[in-house]
C-alpha atoms as a PDB file:
ATOM      1  CA  MET A   1       0.000   0.000   0.000  1.00  0.00           C
ATOM      2  CA  ALA A   2       1.652   3.186   1.135  1.00  0.00           C
ATOM      3  CA  SER A   3       4.318   4.177   3.556  1.00  0.00           C
ATOM      4  CA  CYS A   4       3.004   6.508   6.181  1.00  0.00           C
ATOM      5  CA  GLY A   5       5.259   9.229   7.540  1.00  0.00           C
ATOM      6  CA  VAL A   6       3.536  10.362  10.736  1.00  0.00           C
ATOM      7  CA  ILE A   7       0.083   9.731  12.162  1.00  0.00           C
ATOM      8  CA  ALA A   8      -1.045  12.343  14.671  1.00  0.00           C
ATOM      9  CA  GLY A   9      -4.751  12.558  15.249  1.00  0.00           C
ATOM     10  CA  GLY A  10      -6.244  12.016  11.802  1.00  0.00           C
ATOM     11  CA  LEU A  11      -3.036  12.573   9.819  1.00  0.00           C
ATOM     12  CA  LEU A  12      -1.588  10.004   7.462  1.00  0.00           C
ATOM     13  CA  LEU A  13       1.322  11.013   5.254  1.00  0.00           C
ATOM     14  CA  CYS A  14       1.538   8.269   2.653  1.00  0.00           C
ATOM     15  CA  ILE A  15       4.713   7.569   0.728  1.00  0.00           C
ATOM     16  CA  PHE A  16       4.446   5.403  -2.365  1.00  0.00           C
ATOM     17  CA  PHE A  17       7.155   2.830  -2.950  1.00  0.00           C
ATOM     18  CA  GLY A  18       8.218   0.727  -5.862  1.00  0.00           C
ATOM     19  CA  ASN A  19      11.353  -1.289  -5.118  1.00  0.00           C
ATOM     20  CA  ALA A  20      13.073  -2.531  -2.005  1.00  0.00           C
ATOM     21  CA  CYS A  21      15.879  -0.426  -0.605  1.00  0.00           C
ATOM     22  CA  ASN A  22      19.200  -1.229   0.917  1.00  0.00           C
ATOM     23  CA  ALA A  23      19.577  -1.273   4.686  1.00  0.00           C
ATOM     24  CA  GLN A  24      20.103   2.169   6.140  1.00  0.00           C
ATOM     25  CA  GLN A  25      21.677   3.378   9.351  1.00  0.00           C
ATOM     26  CA  CYS A  26      20.065   6.074  11.463  1.00  0.00           C
ATOM     27  CA  ASN A  27      21.211   9.373   9.933  1.00  0.00           C
ATOM     28  CA  THR A  28      20.112  12.908  10.825  1.00  0.00           C
ATOM     29  CA  MET A  29      21.624  14.561   7.736  1.00  0.00           C
ATOM     30  CA  PHE A  30      19.252  14.913   4.758  1.00  0.00           C
ATOM     31  CA  SER A  31      19.451  16.775   1.467  1.00  0.00           C
ATOM     32  CA  PHE A  32      16.417  18.335  -0.201  1.00  0.00           C
ATOM     33  CA  ASN A  33      16.832  20.003  -3.599  1.00  0.00           C
ATOM     34  CA  GLY A  34      20.372  21.103  -2.825  1.00  0.00           C
ATOM     35  CA  THR A  35      19.633  22.236   0.748  1.00  0.00           C
ATOM     36  CA  ARG A  36      21.087  20.133   3.555  1.00  0.00           C
ATOM     37  CA  ILE A  37      19.074  19.752   6.748  1.00  0.00           C
ATOM     38  CA  ASP A  38      20.537  18.341   9.948  1.00  0.00           C
ATOM     39  CA  PHE A  39      17.702  16.992  12.072  1.00  0.00           C
ATOM     40  CA  ALA A  40      17.958  16.679  15.850  1.00  0.00           C
ATOM     41  CA  LYS A  41      16.723  13.092  16.268  1.00  0.00           C
ATOM     42  CA  CYS A  42      16.391   9.975  14.135  1.00  0.00           C
ATOM     43  CA  THR A  43      15.341   6.352  14.303  1.00  0.00           C
ATOM     44  CA  SER A  44      15.882   3.386  11.984  1.00  0.00           C
ATOM     45  CA  LEU A  45      12.759   1.701  10.674  1.00  0.00           C
ATOM     46  CA  THR A  46      14.050  -1.848  10.851  1.00  0.00           C
ATOM     47  CA  GLU A  47      11.314  -3.800   9.077  1.00  0.00           C
ATOM     48  CA  GLN A  48      11.499  -1.744   5.846  1.00  0.00           C
ATOM     49  CA  ASN A  49      15.122  -0.566   6.127  1.00  0.00           C
ATOM     50  CA  ALA A  50      14.287   3.133   6.135  1.00  0.00           C
ATOM     51  CA  VAL A  51      15.162   6.148   8.302  1.00  0.00           C
ATOM     52  CA  LEU A  52      12.881   8.658   9.998  1.00  0.00           C
ATOM     53  CA  ALA A  53      14.463  11.878  11.297  1.00  0.00           C
ATOM     54  CA  TRP A  54      12.902  14.950  12.900  1.00  0.00           C
ATOM     55  CA  THR A  55      13.345  18.217  14.762  1.00  0.00           C
ATOM     56  CA  PHE A  56      10.680  19.483  17.135  1.00  0.00           C
ATOM     57  CA  TYR A  57      10.467  23.176  17.981  1.00  0.00           C
ATOM     58  CA  GLU A  58       8.581  23.471  21.245  1.00  0.00           C
ATOM     59  CA  SER A  59       8.230  27.254  20.967  1.00  0.00           C
ATOM     60  CA  ASN A  60       5.889  27.123  17.958  1.00  0.00           C
ATOM     61  CA  LEU A  61       4.937  23.403  18.059  1.00  0.00           C
ATOM     62  CA  THR A  62       6.481  22.800  14.636  1.00  0.00           C
ATOM     63  CA  LEU A  63       7.710  19.326  13.710  1.00  0.00           C
ATOM     64  CA  LEU A  64      10.138  18.935  10.794  1.00  0.00           C
ATOM     65  CA  VAL A  65      10.199  15.381   9.486  1.00  0.00           C
ATOM     66  CA  GLY A  66      12.562  13.656   7.076  1.00  0.00           C
ATOM     67  CA  PHE A  67      12.025  10.182   5.629  1.00  0.00           C
ATOM     68  CA  SER A  68      14.571   8.284   3.520  1.00  0.00           C
ATOM     69  CA  GLU A  69      13.521   5.342   1.339  1.00  0.00           C
ATOM     70  CA  ASN A  70      12.675   4.449  -2.261  1.00  0.00           C
ATOM     71  CA  GLY A  71       9.631   5.966  -4.022  1.00  0.00           C
ATOM     72  CA  SER A  72       8.253   8.876  -5.973  1.00  0.00           C
ATOM     73  CA  ASN A  73       5.692  11.031  -4.169  1.00  0.00           C
ATOM     74  CA  ILE A  74       4.262  12.274  -0.863  1.00  0.00           C
ATOM     75  CA  LEU A  75       0.601  13.137  -0.324  1.00  0.00           C
ATOM     76  CA  PRO A  76      -1.610  13.739   2.729  1.00  0.00           C
ATOM     77  CA  TYR A  77      -4.391  11.266   3.544  1.00  0.00           C
ATOM     78  CA  LYS A  78      -6.942  11.377   6.320  1.00  0.00           C
ATOM     79  CA  LEU A  79      -7.476   7.968   7.887  1.00  0.00           C
ATOM     80  CA  THR A  80     -11.119   8.130   8.958  1.00  0.00           C
ATOM     81  CA  GLN A  81     -13.284   5.464  10.544  1.00  0.00           C
ATOM     82  CA  ASP A  82     -15.111   4.983   7.242  1.00  0.00           C
ATOM     83  CA  VAL A  83     -11.801   4.284   5.505  1.00  0.00           C
ATOM     84  CA  GLN A  84     -10.836   1.762   8.189  1.00  0.00           C
ATOM     85  CA  LEU A  85     -14.178   0.012   7.737  1.00  0.00           C
ATOM     86  CA  ALA A  86     -13.605   0.049   3.944  1.00  0.00           C
ATOM     87  CA  SER A  87     -16.930   1.793   3.323  1.00  0.00           C
ATOM     88  CA  VAL A  88     -15.119   4.582   1.462  1.00  0.00           C
ATOM     89  CA  PRO A  89     -11.792   4.463  -0.439  1.00  0.00           C
ATOM     90  CA  LEU A  90      -8.576   6.020   0.844  1.00  0.00           C
ATOM     91  CA  VAL A  91      -8.084   9.131  -1.282  1.00  0.00           C
ATOM     92  CA  CYS A  92      -5.863  12.180  -1.070  1.00  0.00           C
ATOM     93  CA  SER A  93      -7.649  14.694   1.168  1.00  0.00           C
ATOM     94  CA  PRO A  94      -7.006  17.501   3.695  1.00  0.00           C
ATOM     95  CA  VAL A  95      -6.017  16.357   7.185  1.00  0.00           C
ATOM     96  CA  ASP A  96      -6.647  17.777  10.635  1.00  0.00           C
ATOM     97  CA  LEU A  97      -3.095  19.061  11.091  1.00  0.00           C
ATOM     98  CA  ASN A  98      -1.519  21.968   9.276  1.00  0.00           C
ATOM     99  CA  ILE A  99       1.114  20.821   6.750  1.00  0.00           C
ATOM    100  CA  GLU A 100       3.249  23.890   6.194  1.00  0.00           C
ATOM    101  CA  GLU A 101       5.766  22.534   3.683  1.00  0.00           C
ATOM    102  CA  THR A 102       6.698  19.361   1.774  1.00  0.00           C
ATOM    103  CA  ALA A 103       9.608  18.380  -0.443  1.00  0.00           C
ATOM    104  CA  VAL A 104      10.733  15.276  -2.315  1.00  0.00           C
ATOM    105  CA  GLU A 105      14.160  14.452  -3.721  1.00  0.00           C
ATOM    106  CA  ILE A 106      14.845  11.366  -5.837  1.00  0.00           C
ATOM    107  CA  GLN A 107      18.337  10.216  -6.754  1.00  0.00           C
ATOM    108  CA  GLY A 108      18.322   6.982  -8.700  1.00  0.00           C
ATOM    109  CA  ALA A 109      16.436   4.434  -6.599  1.00  0.00           C
ATOM    110  CA  SER A 110      16.793   6.467  -3.409  1.00  0.00           C
ATOM    111  CA  MET A 111      14.212   8.956  -2.180  1.00  0.00           C
ATOM    112  CA  SER A 112      14.112  11.515   0.645  1.00  0.00           C
ATOM    113  CA  LEU A 113      10.936  13.182   1.862  1.00  0.00           C
ATOM    114  CA  PHE A 114      10.486  16.305   3.956  1.00  0.00           C
ATOM    115  CA  ALA A 115       7.433  17.728   5.726  1.00  0.00           C
ATOM    116  CA  ALA A 116       6.863  20.532   8.217  1.00  0.00           C
ATOM    117  CA  LEU A 117       3.860  19.947  10.481  1.00  0.00           C
ATOM    118  CA  GLN A 118       2.067  22.106  13.038  1.00  0.00           C
ATOM    119  CA  LEU A 119       1.291  19.890  16.045  1.00  0.00           C
ATOM    120  CA  PRO A 120      -1.428  20.423  18.677  1.00  0.00           C
ATOM    121  CA  SER A 121      -0.282  21.543  22.108  1.00  0.00           C
ATOM    122  CA  ASN A 122       0.987  18.807  24.456  1.00  0.00           C
ATOM    123  CA  LYS A 123       1.275  16.391  21.524  1.00  0.00           C
ATOM    124  CA  THR A 124       4.865  15.173  21.587  1.00  0.00           C
ATOM    125  CA  THR A 125       4.314  11.403  21.417  1.00  0.00           C
ATOM    126  CA  LEU A 126       3.242  10.268  17.959  1.00  0.00           C
ATOM    127  CA  ASN A 127       2.157   6.986  16.410  1.00  0.00           C
ATOM    128  CA  HIS A 128       4.015   6.132  13.231  1.00  0.00           C
ATOM    129  CA  VAL A 129       3.055   3.578  10.566  1.00  0.00           C
ATOM    130  CA  TRP A 130       5.083   2.844   7.439  1.00  0.00           C
ATOM    131  CA  ASN A 131       4.975   0.361   4.600  1.00  0.00           C
ATOM    132  CA  ARG A 132       5.503  -0.084   0.887  1.00  0.00           C
ATOM    133  CA  GLY A 133       3.189  -1.341  -1.819  1.00  0.00           C
ATOM    134  CA  SER A 134       3.589  -2.300  -5.443  1.00  0.00           C
ATOM    135  CA  SER A 135       1.190   0.123  -7.101  1.00  0.00           C
ATOM    136  CA  VAL A 136      -0.974   3.241  -6.914  1.00  0.00           C
ATOM    137  CA  LYS A 137      -4.224   3.628  -8.845  1.00  0.00           C
ATOM    138  CA  ASN A 138      -5.899   7.012  -9.278  1.00  0.00           C
ATOM    139  CA  TYR A 139      -3.806   8.387  -6.403  1.00  0.00           C
ATOM    140  CA  GLN A 140      -5.100   5.564  -4.185  1.00  0.00           C
ATOM    141  CA  PRO A 141      -2.391   3.323  -2.661  1.00  0.00           C
ATOM    142  CA  GLN A 142      -3.162  -0.335  -3.321  1.00  0.00           C
ATOM    143  CA  GLN A 143      -2.963  -3.030  -0.674  1.00  0.00           C
ATOM    144  CA  HIS A 144       0.519  -3.941   0.519  1.00  0.00           C
ATOM    145  CA  SER A 145       1.669  -7.380   1.609  1.00  0.00           C
ATOM    146  CA  LEU A 146       0.086  -8.725   4.811  1.00  0.00           C
ATOM    147  CA  SER A 147       3.068 -10.719   6.046  1.00  0.00           C
ATOM    148  CA  ALA A 148       4.098 -10.563   9.702  1.00  0.00           C
ATOM    149  CA  SER A 149       6.881  -8.067   8.957  1.00  0.00           C
ATOM    150  CA  ASP A 150       4.485  -5.789   7.048  1.00  0.00           C
ATOM    151  CA  LEU A 151       1.919  -5.846   9.845  1.00  0.00           C
ATOM    152  CA  SER A 152       4.513  -4.995  12.495  1.00  0.00           C
ATOM    153  CA  THR A 153       5.724  -1.755  10.878  1.00  0.00           C
ATOM    154  CA  VAL A 154       4.353   0.473  13.616  1.00  0.00           C
ATOM    155  CA  GLN A 155       5.979   2.364  16.425  1.00  0.00           C
ATOM    156  CA  THR A 156       5.336   5.077  19.000  1.00  0.00           C
ATOM    157  CA  ILE A 157       7.960   7.840  19.128  1.00  0.00           C
ATOM    158  CA  ASN A 158       8.599  10.439  21.798  1.00  0.00           C
ATOM    159  CA  MET A 159       9.746  13.523  19.889  1.00  0.00           C
ATOM    160  CA  PHE A 160      11.747  14.827  22.856  1.00  0.00           C
ATOM    161  CA  THR A 161      13.664  11.700  23.894  1.00  0.00           C
ATOM    162  CA  ALA A 162      13.637   9.879  20.519  1.00  0.00           C
ATOM    163  CA  GLN A 163      12.587   6.790  22.422  1.00  0.00           C
ATOM    164  CA  ALA A 164      10.649   4.514  20.091  1.00  0.00           C
ATOM    165  CA  ILE A 165       8.591   1.469  20.935  1.00  0.00           C
ATOM    166  CA  VAL A 166       8.732  -0.576  17.727  1.00  0.00           C
ATOM    167  CA  GLY A 167       6.233  -3.180  16.655  1.00  0.00           C
ATOM    168  CA  GLY A 168       3.456  -3.610  19.175  1.00  0.00           C
ATOM    169  CA  THR A 169       0.337  -5.597  18.529  1.00  0.00           C
ATOM    170  CA  PRO A 170      -0.841  -5.626  14.880  1.00  0.00           C
ATOM    171  CA  PRO A 171      -4.429  -4.531  14.200  1.00  0.00           C
ATOM    172  CA  HIS A 172      -7.054  -7.132  15.192  1.00  0.00           C
ATOM    173  CA  TYR A 173      -4.280  -9.435  16.405  1.00  0.00           C
ATOM    174  CA  SER A 174      -6.437 -11.247  19.001  1.00  0.00           C
ATOM    175  CA  LEU A 175      -9.195 -11.809  16.452  1.00  0.00           C
ATOM    176  CA  LYS A 176      -6.749 -13.189  13.877  1.00  0.00           C
ATOM    177  CA  ARG A 177      -5.105 -15.422  16.469  1.00  0.00           C
ATOM    178  CA  ALA A 178      -8.454 -16.828  17.627  1.00  0.00           C
ATOM    179  CA  HIS A 179      -9.551 -17.357  14.002  1.00  0.00           C
ATOM    180  CA  GLY A 180      -6.368 -19.269  13.196  1.00  0.00           C
ATOM    181  CA  ILE A 181      -6.289 -21.425  16.332  1.00  0.00           C
ATOM    182  CA  LEU A 182      -9.980 -22.370  16.213  1.00  0.00           C
ATOM    183  CA  ASN A 183      -9.883 -23.365  12.539  1.00  0.00           C
ATOM    184  CA  THR A 184      -6.631 -25.271  12.888  1.00  0.00           C
ATOM    185  CA  VAL A 185      -7.937 -27.278  15.844  1.00  0.00           C
ATOM    186  CA  ALA A 186     -11.340 -27.832  14.217  1.00  0.00           C
ATOM    187  CA  TRP A 187     -10.656 -28.563  10.538  1.00  0.00           C
ATOM    188  CA  GLY A 188      -7.067 -29.717  10.906  1.00  0.00           C
ATOM    189  CA  VAL A 189      -7.038 -31.801  14.095  1.00  0.00           C
ATOM    190  CA  LEU A 190     -10.436 -32.845  15.484  1.00  0.00           C
ATOM    191  CA  LEU A 191     -12.066 -33.747  12.158  1.00  0.00           C
ATOM    192  CA  PRO A 192      -9.121 -35.859  10.896  1.00  0.00           C
ATOM    193  CA  ILE A 193      -8.901 -37.669  14.243  1.00  0.00           C
ATOM    194  CA  GLY A 194     -12.633 -38.337  14.060  1.00  0.00           C
ATOM    195  CA  VAL A 195     -12.190 -39.868  10.600  1.00  0.00           C
ATOM    196  CA  ILE A 196      -9.315 -42.047  11.820  1.00  0.00           C
ATOM    197  CA  ILE A 197     -11.473 -43.333  14.680  1.00  0.00           C
ATOM    198  CA  ALA A 198     -14.378 -44.105  12.335  1.00  0.00           C
ATOM    199  CA  ARG A 199     -12.095 -45.828   9.847  1.00  0.00           C
ATOM    200  CA  TYR A 200     -10.085 -48.063  12.158  1.00  0.00           C
ATOM    201  CA  LEU A 201     -11.819 -48.463  15.527  1.00  0.00           C
ATOM    202  CA  ASN A 202     -15.154 -49.690  14.208  1.00  0.00           C
ATOM    203  CA  GLN A 203     -13.644 -53.165  14.047  1.00  0.00           C
ATOM    204  CA  CYS A 204     -12.613 -53.095  17.686  1.00  0.00           C
ATOM    205  CA  THR A 205     -15.719 -51.717  19.393  1.00  0.00           C
ATOM    206  CA  GLU A 206     -19.401 -52.333  18.871  1.00  0.00           C
ATOM    207  CA  SER A 207     -20.724 -48.775  19.001  1.00  0.00           C
ATOM    208  CA  LEU A 208     -18.263 -46.761  21.108  1.00  0.00           C
ATOM    209  CA  TRP A 209     -16.342 -45.677  17.978  1.00  0.00           C
ATOM    210  CA  PHE A 210     -19.532 -44.198  16.527  1.00  0.00           C
ATOM    211  CA  TYR A 211     -20.256 -41.979  19.523  1.00  0.00           C
ATOM    212  CA  ILE A 212     -16.631 -40.808  19.730  1.00  0.00           C
ATOM    213  CA  HIS A 213     -16.661 -40.101  15.981  1.00  0.00           C
ATOM    214  CA  VAL A 214     -19.900 -38.103  16.141  1.00  0.00           C
ATOM    215  CA  LEU A 215     -18.756 -36.186  19.234  1.00  0.00           C
ATOM    216  CA  LEU A 216     -15.430 -35.171  17.644  1.00  0.00           C
ATOM    217  CA  GLN A 217     -17.091 -34.178  14.369  1.00  0.00           C
ATOM    218  CA  MET A 218     -19.742 -32.084  16.086  1.00  0.00           C
ATOM    219  CA  ILE A 219     -17.213 -30.308  18.330  1.00  0.00           C
ATOM    220  CA  GLY A 220     -14.949 -29.783  15.329  1.00  0.00           C
ATOM    221  CA  TYR A 221     -17.738 -28.309  13.229  1.00  0.00           C
ATOM    222  CA  VAL A 222     -18.943 -25.993  16.013  1.00  0.00           C
ATOM    223  CA  LEU A 223     -15.401 -24.697  16.567  1.00  0.00           C
ATOM    224  CA  GLY A 224     -14.906 -24.422  12.812  1.00  0.00           C
ATOM    225  CA  ALA A 225     -18.157 -22.474  12.433  1.00  0.00           C
ATOM    226  CA  ILE A 226     -17.039 -20.059  15.152  1.00  0.00           C
ATOM    227  CA  GLY A 227     -13.661 -19.696  13.453  1.00  0.00           C
ATOM    228  CA  TRP A 228     -15.407 -19.103  10.121  1.00  0.00           C
ATOM    229  CA  ALA A 229     -17.582 -16.392  11.693  1.00  0.00           C
ATOM    230  CA  LEU A 230     -14.455 -14.725  13.102  1.00  0.00           C
ATOM    231  CA  GLY A 231     -12.945 -14.843   9.616  1.00  0.00           C
ATOM    232  CA  MET A 232     -16.000 -13.125   8.139  1.00  0.00           C
ATOM    233  CA  ARG A 233     -15.754 -10.498  10.869  1.00  0.00           C
ATOM    234  CA  LEU A 234     -12.087  -9.929  10.025  1.00  0.00           C
ATOM    235  CA  HIS A 235     -12.993  -9.473   6.376  1.00  0.00           C
ATOM    236  CA  ALA A 236     -15.612  -6.877   7.330  1.00  0.00           C
ATOM    237  CA  LEU A 237     -13.134  -4.997   9.541  1.00  0.00           C
ATOM    238  CA  THR A 238     -10.137  -5.027   7.212  1.00  0.00           C
ATOM    239  CA  SER A 239     -11.612  -5.630   3.722  1.00  0.00           C
ATOM    240  CA  ALA A 240      -8.472  -7.692   3.079  1.00  0.00           C
ATOM    241  CA  SER A 241      -8.691  -9.587  -0.202  1.00  0.00           C
ATOM    242  CA  HIS A 242      -7.727 -13.251   0.227  1.00  0.00           C
ATOM    243  CA  LYS A 243     -10.085 -14.789  -2.305  1.00  0.00           C
ATOM    244  CA  VAL A 244      -8.692 -18.325  -2.239  1.00  0.00           C
ATOM    245  CA  HIS A 245      -8.659 -18.550   1.546  1.00  0.00           C
ATOM    246  CA  GLN A 246     -12.051 -16.888   1.859  1.00  0.00           C
ATOM    247  CA  ASN A 247     -13.776 -19.019  -0.780  1.00  0.00           C
ATOM    248  CA  MET A 248     -12.332 -22.234   0.621  1.00  0.00           C
ATOM    249  CA  GLY A 249     -13.506 -21.211   4.090  1.00  0.00           C
ATOM    250  CA  ILE A 250     -17.048 -20.624   2.825  1.00  0.00           C
ATOM    251  CA  GLY A 251     -16.936 -23.951   1.005  1.00  0.00           C
ATOM    252  CA  LEU A 252     -15.811 -25.747   4.157  1.00  0.00           C
ATOM    253  CA  PHE A 253     -18.584 -24.166   6.191  1.00  0.00           C
ATOM    254  CA  VAL A 254     -21.237 -25.240   3.659  1.00  0.00           C
ATOM    255  CA  LEU A 255     -19.847 -28.770   3.272  1.00  0.00           C
ATOM    256  CA  GLY A 256     -19.611 -29.119   7.038  1.00  0.00           C
ATOM    257  CA  LEU A 257     -23.239 -28.054   7.380  1.00  0.00           C
ATOM    258  CA  VAL A 258     -24.265 -30.611   4.750  1.00  0.00           C
ATOM    259  CA  GLN A 259     -22.254 -33.264   6.563  1.00  0.00           C
ATOM    260  CA  MET A 260     -24.050 -32.509   9.817  1.00  0.00           C
ATOM    261  CA  PHE A 261     -27.327 -33.343   8.070  1.00  0.00           C
ATOM    262  CA  ALA A 262     -25.867 -36.771   7.322  1.00  0.00           C
ATOM    263  CA  LEU A 263     -26.455 -37.695  10.953  1.00  0.00           C
ATOM    264  CA  CYS A 264     -30.165 -36.915  10.617  1.00  0.00           C
ATOM    265  CA  LEU A 265     -30.494 -38.670   7.243  1.00  0.00           C
ATOM    266  CA  ARG A 266     -28.529 -41.797   8.201  1.00  0.00           C
ATOM    267  CA  PRO A 267     -30.563 -44.897   7.214  1.00  0.00           C
ATOM    268  CA  ASN A 268     -30.341 -48.238   8.985  1.00  0.00           C
ATOM    269  CA  LYS A 269     -27.621 -50.686   7.986  1.00  0.00           C
ATOM    270  CA  ASP A 270     -30.042 -52.948   6.135  1.00  0.00           C
ATOM    271  CA  HIS A 271     -31.787 -50.115   4.304  1.00  0.00           C
ATOM    272  CA  LYS A 272     -31.404 -50.152   0.516  1.00  0.00           C
ATOM    273  CA  LEU A 273     -30.226 -46.517   0.522  1.00  0.00           C
ATOM    274  CA  ARG A 274     -27.477 -47.091   3.101  1.00  0.00           C
ATOM    275  CA  ARG A 275     -24.935 -47.839   0.369  1.00  0.00           C
ATOM    276  CA  TYR A 276     -25.563 -44.481  -1.332  1.00  0.00           C
ATOM    277  CA  TRP A 277     -25.533 -42.671   2.008  1.00  0.00           C
ATOM    278  CA  ASN A 278     -22.092 -44.146   2.716  1.00  0.00           C
ATOM    279  CA  VAL A 279     -20.772 -42.818  -0.597  1.00  0.00           C
ATOM    280  CA  TYR A 280     -22.262 -39.375   0.114  1.00  0.00           C
ATOM    281  CA  HIS A 281     -20.972 -39.283   3.698  1.00  0.00           C
ATOM    282  CA  HIS A 282     -17.455 -40.530   2.947  1.00  0.00           C
ATOM    283  CA  SER A 283     -16.970 -38.373  -0.166  1.00  0.00           C
ATOM    284  CA  ILE A 284     -17.928 -35.148   1.574  1.00  0.00           C
ATOM    285  CA  GLY A 285     -15.979 -36.109   4.696  1.00  0.00           C
ATOM    286  CA  TYR A 286     -12.693 -36.722   2.894  1.00  0.00           C
ATOM    287  CA  THR A 287     -13.223 -33.577   0.793  1.00  0.00           C
ATOM    288  CA  ILE A 288     -13.609 -31.525   3.981  1.00  0.00           C
ATOM    289  CA  ILE A 289     -10.420 -32.980   5.447  1.00  0.00           C
ATOM    290  CA  LEU A 290      -8.415 -32.230   2.295  1.00  0.00           C
ATOM    291  CA  LEU A 291      -9.771 -28.698   1.830  1.00  0.00           C
ATOM    292  CA  GLY A 292      -9.393 -27.968   5.539  1.00  0.00           C
ATOM    293  CA  ILE A 293      -5.699 -28.881   5.573  1.00  0.00           C
ATOM    294  CA  ILE A 294      -5.010 -26.881   2.401  1.00  0.00           C
ATOM    295  CA  ASN A 295      -6.846 -23.846   3.769  1.00  0.00           C
ATOM    296  CA  ILE A 296      -4.997 -24.021   7.085  1.00  0.00           C
ATOM    297  CA  PHE A 297      -1.667 -23.712   5.289  1.00  0.00           C
ATOM    298  CA  GLU A 298      -3.158 -20.934   3.153  1.00  0.00           C
ATOM    299  CA  GLY A 299      -4.131 -19.120   6.334  1.00  0.00           C
ATOM    300  CA  LEU A 300      -0.700 -19.656   7.893  1.00  0.00           C
ATOM    301  CA  LYS A 301       0.861 -18.154   4.780  1.00  0.00           C
ATOM    302  CA  ILE A 302      -1.371 -15.080   5.111  1.00  0.00           C
ATOM    303  CA  LEU A 303      -0.991 -14.647   8.860  1.00  0.00           C
ATOM    304  CA  SER A 304       2.744 -15.517   8.971  1.00  0.00           C
ATOM    305  CA  PRO A 305       2.622 -16.142  12.738  1.00  0.00           C
ATOM    306  CA  GLY A 306       6.349 -16.885  12.990  1.00  0.00           C
ATOM    307  CA  GLY A 307       7.841 -19.337  15.429  1.00  0.00           C
ATOM    308  CA  ASN A 308       7.070 -22.993  14.823  1.00  0.00           C
ATOM    309  CA  TRP A 309       3.362 -22.792  14.055  1.00  0.00           C
ATOM    310  CA  LYS A 310       3.605 -24.085  10.495  1.00  0.00           C
ATOM    311  CA  SER A 311       6.229 -26.733  11.226  1.00  0.00           C
ATOM    312  CA  GLY A 312       4.329 -27.773  14.374  1.00  0.00           C
ATOM    313  CA  TYR A 313       1.114 -28.339  12.461  1.00  0.00           C
ATOM    314  CA  ALA A 314       2.991 -30.107   9.657  1.00  0.00           C
ATOM    315  CA  ALA A 315       4.533 -32.412  12.282  1.00  0.00           C
ATOM    316  CA  SER A 316       1.083 -33.219  13.712  1.00  0.00           C
ATOM    317  CA  LEU A 317      -0.142 -34.059  10.197  1.00  0.00           C
ATOM    318  CA  ILE A 318       2.813 -36.353   9.623  1.00  0.00           C
ATOM    319  CA  LEU A 319       2.063 -38.144  12.913  1.00  0.00           C
ATOM    320  CA  MET A 320      -1.582 -38.624  11.900  1.00  0.00           C
ATOM    321  CA  VAL A 321      -0.536 -39.950   8.486  1.00  0.00           C
ATOM    322  CA  ILE A 322       1.957 -42.386  10.047  1.00  0.00           C
ATOM    323  CA  LEU A 323      -0.689 -43.555  12.536  1.00  0.00           C
ATOM    324  CA  SER A 324      -3.178 -44.021   9.685  1.00  0.00           C
ATOM    325  CA  LEU A 325      -0.697 -46.038   7.630  1.00  0.00           C
ATOM    326  CA  ILE A 326       0.070 -48.287  10.574  1.00  0.00           C
ATOM    327  CA  LEU A 327      -3.621 -48.837  11.333  1.00  0.00           C
ATOM    328  CA  GLU A 328      -4.332 -49.377   7.616  1.00  0.00           C
ATOM    329  CA  ALA A 329      -1.640 -52.050   7.446  1.00  0.00           C
ATOM    330  CA  ILE A 330      -3.035 -53.738  10.546  1.00  0.00           C
ATOM    331  CA  THR A 331      -6.535 -53.620   9.061  1.00  0.00           C
ATOM    332  CA  TRP A 332      -5.408 -55.271   5.815  1.00  0.00           C
ATOM    333  CA  ILE A 333      -3.436 -57.926   7.655  1.00  0.00           C
ATOM    334  CA  ARG A 334      -6.459 -58.793   9.768  1.00  0.00           C
ATOM    335  CA  CYS A 335      -8.671 -58.799   6.651  1.00  0.00           C
ATOM    336  CA  ILE A 336      -6.338 -61.169   4.772  1.00  0.00           C
ATOM    337  CA  LYS A 337      -6.064 -63.486   7.760  1.00  0.00           C
ATOM    338  CA  GLN A 338      -9.844 -63.499   8.134  1.00  0.00           C
ATOM    339  CA  ARG A 339     -10.334 -64.369   4.452  1.00  0.00           C
ATOM    340  CA  ARG A 340      -7.835 -67.221   4.726  1.00  0.00           C
ATOM    341  CA  TYR A 341      -9.565 -68.497   7.830  1.00  0.00           C
ATOM    342  CA  ASP A 342     -12.967 -68.301   6.126  1.00  0.00           C
ATOM    343  CA  GLY A 343     -11.547 -70.172   3.151  1.00  0.00           C
ATOM    344  CA  LEU A 344     -10.510 -73.049   5.360  1.00  0.00           C
ATOM    345  CA  GLN A 345     -13.982 -73.432   6.823  1.00  0.00           C
END
């Protein structure tokens, strides 16, 4: 999307980027159209390898800001609640603060930006958000990447001390975390385990396997439905476009709902339609498992939670596959032995 210079109140100074830049050290010396400016403070923006520098004049509440990165333009944008809810587009518009002066200097792939702002009284701690996107359409910055590093490009800066608290909690972090955990447990753990129990334990117990299978599937679907609802809420709050993940999630919800009806429509074992019910139930069940696993990895790619989340879930899948192969081998061995025994009778 855009790289935002300073947010104070309703201000969003967006800087449009094209290519990645080289790592930069914190530097207070900037050059704008042949004029060199030595700022008082600076901080390195680690996630995007950029530099933010500034000088704050307490006497007239003027903040001079310099930003060094790659790009081509600087424009003011007002980040309103309607924009955040995606009910209106983000367009260039007047902001609440007075922007006294701006300047841009481009040398090759390097860019330096300058802005002079008039701050409100007692406003010396500012929130800062920055990022880069691949394109701009009709002066509207398009969506940037939603990786973990892109979502952590925020910090709070004290203009007097230059103390900066980098990162912090990304927007809607708790909602995203709950969405991911619930769907992973539901579609990626409980439902596959329920299928394994139905496939291999029905030969060992009379009816216990059935009740365990139904219980796991119902708990899994309820948790998955809650996770799906959280995902729809996230889409409404952020308007993020993840068509593949979103469409697969809707498909899983619908297929899961259809599968729940299988319990109500289940004919007796000796009924003539039981054979067709088995085909319907098994086909949808295995489709849900496959789509659920694929969509979990799609979600992990979007959320980029870091740590060992992806490898941990992959390891749990491998364990379930190994367990299934072992139980499948045991099942076939027992089946072959039973056929041989029946042949001798």
